[in-house]
Amino acid sequence: MIVQIRCFSCGKPIAHLWKDFRERVEKGEDPKKVLDELGLERYCCRAQLLGQPVPDLMDIATQFKRF
């Protein structure tokens, strides 16, 4: 998945948190709890991770033929 390196609003690096967030949410944990434990307090940073689709769409898109 192509994840933003930094938050668009405040500039805090968030890409390194995506893998942990995705894995824990897929296991069934509450996204709010996961974001709190990862240390994301600002609404803008939380929205960046919550706005990314959890299933990896890049794997799905690469299955189709290129033109």
Protein backbone atom coordinates (compact mmCIF):
# COMPACT_ATOMS: atom_id res chain seq x y z
CA MET A 1 0.00 0.00 0.00
CA ILE A 2 1.20 3.48 -0.75
CA VAL A 3 1.05 5.31 2.56
CA GLN A 4 1.85 8.96 3.16
CA ILE A 5 5.31 9.45 4.63
CA ARG A 6 4.19 12.46 6.65
CA CYS A 7 0.89 13.83 7.82
CA PHE A 8 -0.44 16.37 5.32
CA SER A 9 -1.46 18.84 8.04
CA CYS A 10 1.26 18.82 10.68
CA GLY A 11 4.18 17.07 8.96
CA LYS A 12 4.69 14.36 11.59
CA PRO A 13 6.21 11.13 10.16
CA ILE A 14 3.52 8.43 10.20
CA ALA A 15 4.52 5.86 7.54
CA HIS A 16 6.50 3.73 9.99
CA LEU A 17 3.31 3.16 12.04
CA TRP A 18 1.18 1.85 9.16
CA LYS A 19 2.33 -1.78 9.24
CA ASP A 20 1.73 -2.17 12.98
CA PHE A 21 -1.64 -0.43 12.71
CA ARG A 22 -2.79 -2.60 9.80
CA GLU A 23 -1.72 -5.87 11.40
CA ARG A 24 -3.39 -5.11 14.72
CA VAL A 25 -6.65 -3.94 13.16
CA GLU A 26 -6.78 -7.04 10.94
CA LYS A 27 -6.44 -9.18 14.08
CA GLY A 28 -9.58 -7.52 15.44
CA GLU A 29 -8.32 -4.84 17.79
CA ASP A 30 -10.19 -1.55 18.12
CA PRO A 31 -8.60 1.11 15.85
CA LYS A 32 -8.98 3.79 18.54
CA LYS A 33 -7.05 1.71 21.06
CA VAL A 34 -4.32 0.91 18.51
CA LEU A 35 -3.86 4.58 17.57
CA ASP A 36 -3.67 5.56 21.24
CA GLU A 37 -0.99 2.93 21.90
CA LEU A 38 1.00 4.00 18.84
CA GLY A 39 1.13 7.53 20.24
CA LEU A 40 -0.98 9.34 17.65
CA GLU A 41 -2.81 12.09 19.52
CA ARG A 42 -3.54 14.62 16.78
CA TYR A 43 -6.73 14.25 14.80
CA CYS A 44 -4.97 14.96 11.52
CA CYS A 45 -2.49 12.07 11.94
CA ARG A 46 -5.19 9.68 13.10
CA ALA A 47 -7.32 10.54 10.06
CA GLN A 48 -4.41 9.76 7.72
CA LEU A 49 -4.15 6.18 9.00
CA LEU A 50 -7.89 5.65 9.37
CA GLY A 51 -8.46 6.91 5.83
CA GLN A 52 -6.20 4.26 4.30
CA PRO A 53 -8.04 1.07 3.33
CA VAL A 54 -6.93 -1.84 5.50
CA PRO A 55 -6.82 -4.45 2.71
CA ASP A 56 -3.78 -3.91 0.58
CA LEU A 57 -5.24 -2.64 -2.70
CA MET A 58 -1.87 -2.62 -4.45
CA ASP A 59 -1.80 -6.43 -4.42
CA ILE A 60 -5.27 -6.53 -5.94
CA ALA A 61 -4.46 -3.94 -8.60
CA THR A 62 -1.29 -5.70 -9.76
CA GLN A 63 -3.26 -8.81 -10.70
CA PHE A 64 -4.79 -7.05 -13.70
CA LYS A 65 -3.16 -6.72 -17.08
CA ARG A 66 -1.42 -3.47 -17.95
CA PHE A 67 -2.21 -1.65 -21.18
